[in-house]
Amino acid sequence: RYLKGNIFIHYYNIRFNELKKPNFLVEKLKFEKNIGSVTLTGHTDDIGSDAFNMDLGKKRANFIIQTLVKLGVPSTLLQAESQGEHVLPSKRSGESLDLFRKRCRRVELIKEIK
């Protein structure tokens, strides 16, 4: 089983979405015994080269991992990946390009249950 959520990033300011509060996420990751692993996948918008965006996506995922570890989440649970600009969300009808690109800048969290 997998549980999934997004963490949106704007210039390394974290905004948790769907997970609502970072403390809730941290407590779940610290104390749930049935977590096998947590994969954090960094995503970017469509600006920049593929190589730059792959690197940036990995940096975003690692930034979230560092933050979670500082809050007490065991580093052994966490792994970072990057999709760069390869997996963009669908652009919503009437959505501005600026808002669309903001939604692209995210870290996807997938928690695998044992």
Protein backbone atom coordinates (compact mmCIF):
# COMPACT_ATOMS: atom_id res chain seq x y z
CA ARG A 1 0.00 0.00 0.00
CA TYR A 2 1.09 3.54 -0.70
CA LEU A 3 0.05 6.89 0.72
CA LYS A 4 0.77 9.96 -1.35
CA GLY A 5 0.95 13.73 -0.80
CA ASN A 6 2.66 16.83 -2.18
CA ILE A 7 4.88 19.42 -0.58
CA PHE A 8 5.04 22.60 -2.64
CA ILE A 9 8.22 24.66 -2.66
CA HIS A 10 8.65 28.32 -3.48
CA TYR A 11 12.26 29.43 -3.17
CA TYR A 12 12.89 26.89 -0.42
CA ASN A 13 9.92 27.94 1.65
CA ILE A 14 7.89 24.83 2.39
CA ARG A 15 4.11 24.71 2.01
CA PHE A 16 2.62 21.35 2.90
CA ASN A 17 -0.45 20.36 0.92
CA GLU A 18 -2.82 17.50 1.69
CA LEU A 19 -0.66 16.69 4.71
CA LYS A 20 -1.96 19.95 6.24
CA LYS A 21 0.63 20.41 8.99
CA PRO A 22 4.31 19.42 9.06
CA ASN A 23 4.01 18.27 12.70
CA PHE A 24 1.35 15.76 11.69
CA LEU A 25 3.64 14.39 8.98
CA VAL A 26 6.65 14.27 11.31
CA GLU A 27 4.72 12.46 14.05
CA LYS A 28 3.37 9.90 11.56
CA LEU A 29 6.85 9.24 10.17
CA LYS A 30 8.50 9.04 13.59
CA PHE A 31 6.04 6.75 15.32
CA GLU A 32 4.20 4.64 12.75
CA LYS A 33 5.64 1.13 12.90
CA ASN A 34 4.28 -0.02 9.54
CA ILE A 35 6.27 2.35 7.31
CA GLY A 36 8.61 0.53 4.95
CA SER A 37 10.12 3.59 3.29
CA VAL A 38 9.35 7.14 2.20
CA THR A 39 10.37 8.31 -1.26
CA LEU A 40 10.52 12.05 -1.85
CA THR A 41 10.56 12.97 -5.54
CA GLY A 42 11.52 16.49 -6.57
CA HIS A 43 9.74 18.16 -9.49
CA THR A 44 10.37 21.44 -11.31
CA ASP A 45 8.62 23.71 -13.76
CA ASP A 46 9.49 23.78 -17.46
CA ILE A 47 12.07 26.58 -17.23
CA GLY A 48 15.71 25.57 -17.63
CA SER A 49 17.58 22.67 -19.19
CA ASP A 50 16.77 19.05 -18.48
CA ALA A 51 20.06 18.56 -16.61
CA PHE A 52 19.50 21.68 -14.49
CA ASN A 53 15.95 20.62 -13.61
CA MET A 54 16.97 17.07 -12.71
CA ASP A 55 19.59 18.48 -10.34
CA LEU A 56 17.15 21.03 -8.93
CA GLY A 57 14.49 18.37 -8.34
CA LYS A 58 17.02 16.27 -6.38
CA LYS A 59 18.05 19.32 -4.33
CA ARG A 60 14.41 19.99 -3.47
CA ALA A 61 13.86 16.42 -2.32
CA ASN A 62 17.07 16.50 -0.26
CA PHE A 63 16.04 19.83 1.29
CA ILE A 64 12.79 18.27 2.52
CA ILE A 65 14.67 15.22 3.81
CA GLN A 66 17.10 17.45 5.74
CA THR A 67 14.14 19.34 7.23
CA LEU A 68 12.36 16.13 8.26
CA VAL A 69 15.54 14.68 9.80
CA LYS A 70 16.07 17.89 11.81
CA LEU A 71 12.53 17.40 13.14
CA GLY A 72 13.35 13.86 14.26
CA VAL A 73 12.33 11.61 11.36
CA PRO A 74 14.81 8.71 10.98
CA SER A 75 16.98 9.28 7.90
CA THR A 76 16.96 5.52 7.21
CA LEU A 77 13.30 5.79 6.12
CA LEU A 78 13.88 8.54 3.57
CA GLN A 79 15.18 8.48 0.00
CA ALA A 80 15.40 11.25 -2.60
CA GLU A 81 14.65 11.08 -6.33
CA SER A 82 14.12 13.61 -9.08
CA GLN A 83 11.78 13.77 -12.05
CA GLY A 84 12.83 17.30 -12.99
CA GLU A 85 10.30 18.63 -15.49
CA HIS A 86 9.35 15.17 -16.81
CA VAL A 87 6.11 14.78 -14.83
CA LEU A 88 4.21 18.05 -14.99
CA PRO A 89 0.69 18.32 -13.58
CA SER A 90 -2.13 19.04 -16.02
CA LYS A 91 -2.67 22.75 -16.61
CA ARG A 92 -6.09 23.74 -15.31
CA SER A 93 -8.57 25.56 -17.51
CA GLY A 94 -8.03 29.30 -17.18
CA GLU A 95 -4.96 28.84 -14.98
CA SER A 96 -2.24 31.45 -15.43
CA LEU A 97 1.20 30.29 -16.52
CA ASP A 98 2.67 31.69 -13.28
CA LEU A 99 0.29 29.67 -11.08
CA PHE A 100 0.82 26.54 -13.18
CA ARG A 101 4.59 26.81 -12.78
CA LYS A 102 4.21 27.30 -9.02
CA ARG A 103 2.22 24.05 -8.83
CA CYS A 104 4.97 22.28 -10.78
CA ARG A 105 7.59 23.16 -8.12
CA ARG A 106 6.90 20.42 -5.63
CA VAL A 107 8.18 17.40 -3.81
CA GLU A 108 5.94 14.36 -3.99
CA LEU A 109 5.98 12.16 -0.92
CA ILE A 110 5.11 8.48 -1.29
CA LYS A 111 5.01 6.41 1.88
CA GLU A 112 5.24 2.66 1.40
CA ILE A 113 3.45 0.61 4.03
CA LYS A 114 4.95 -2.75 5.07
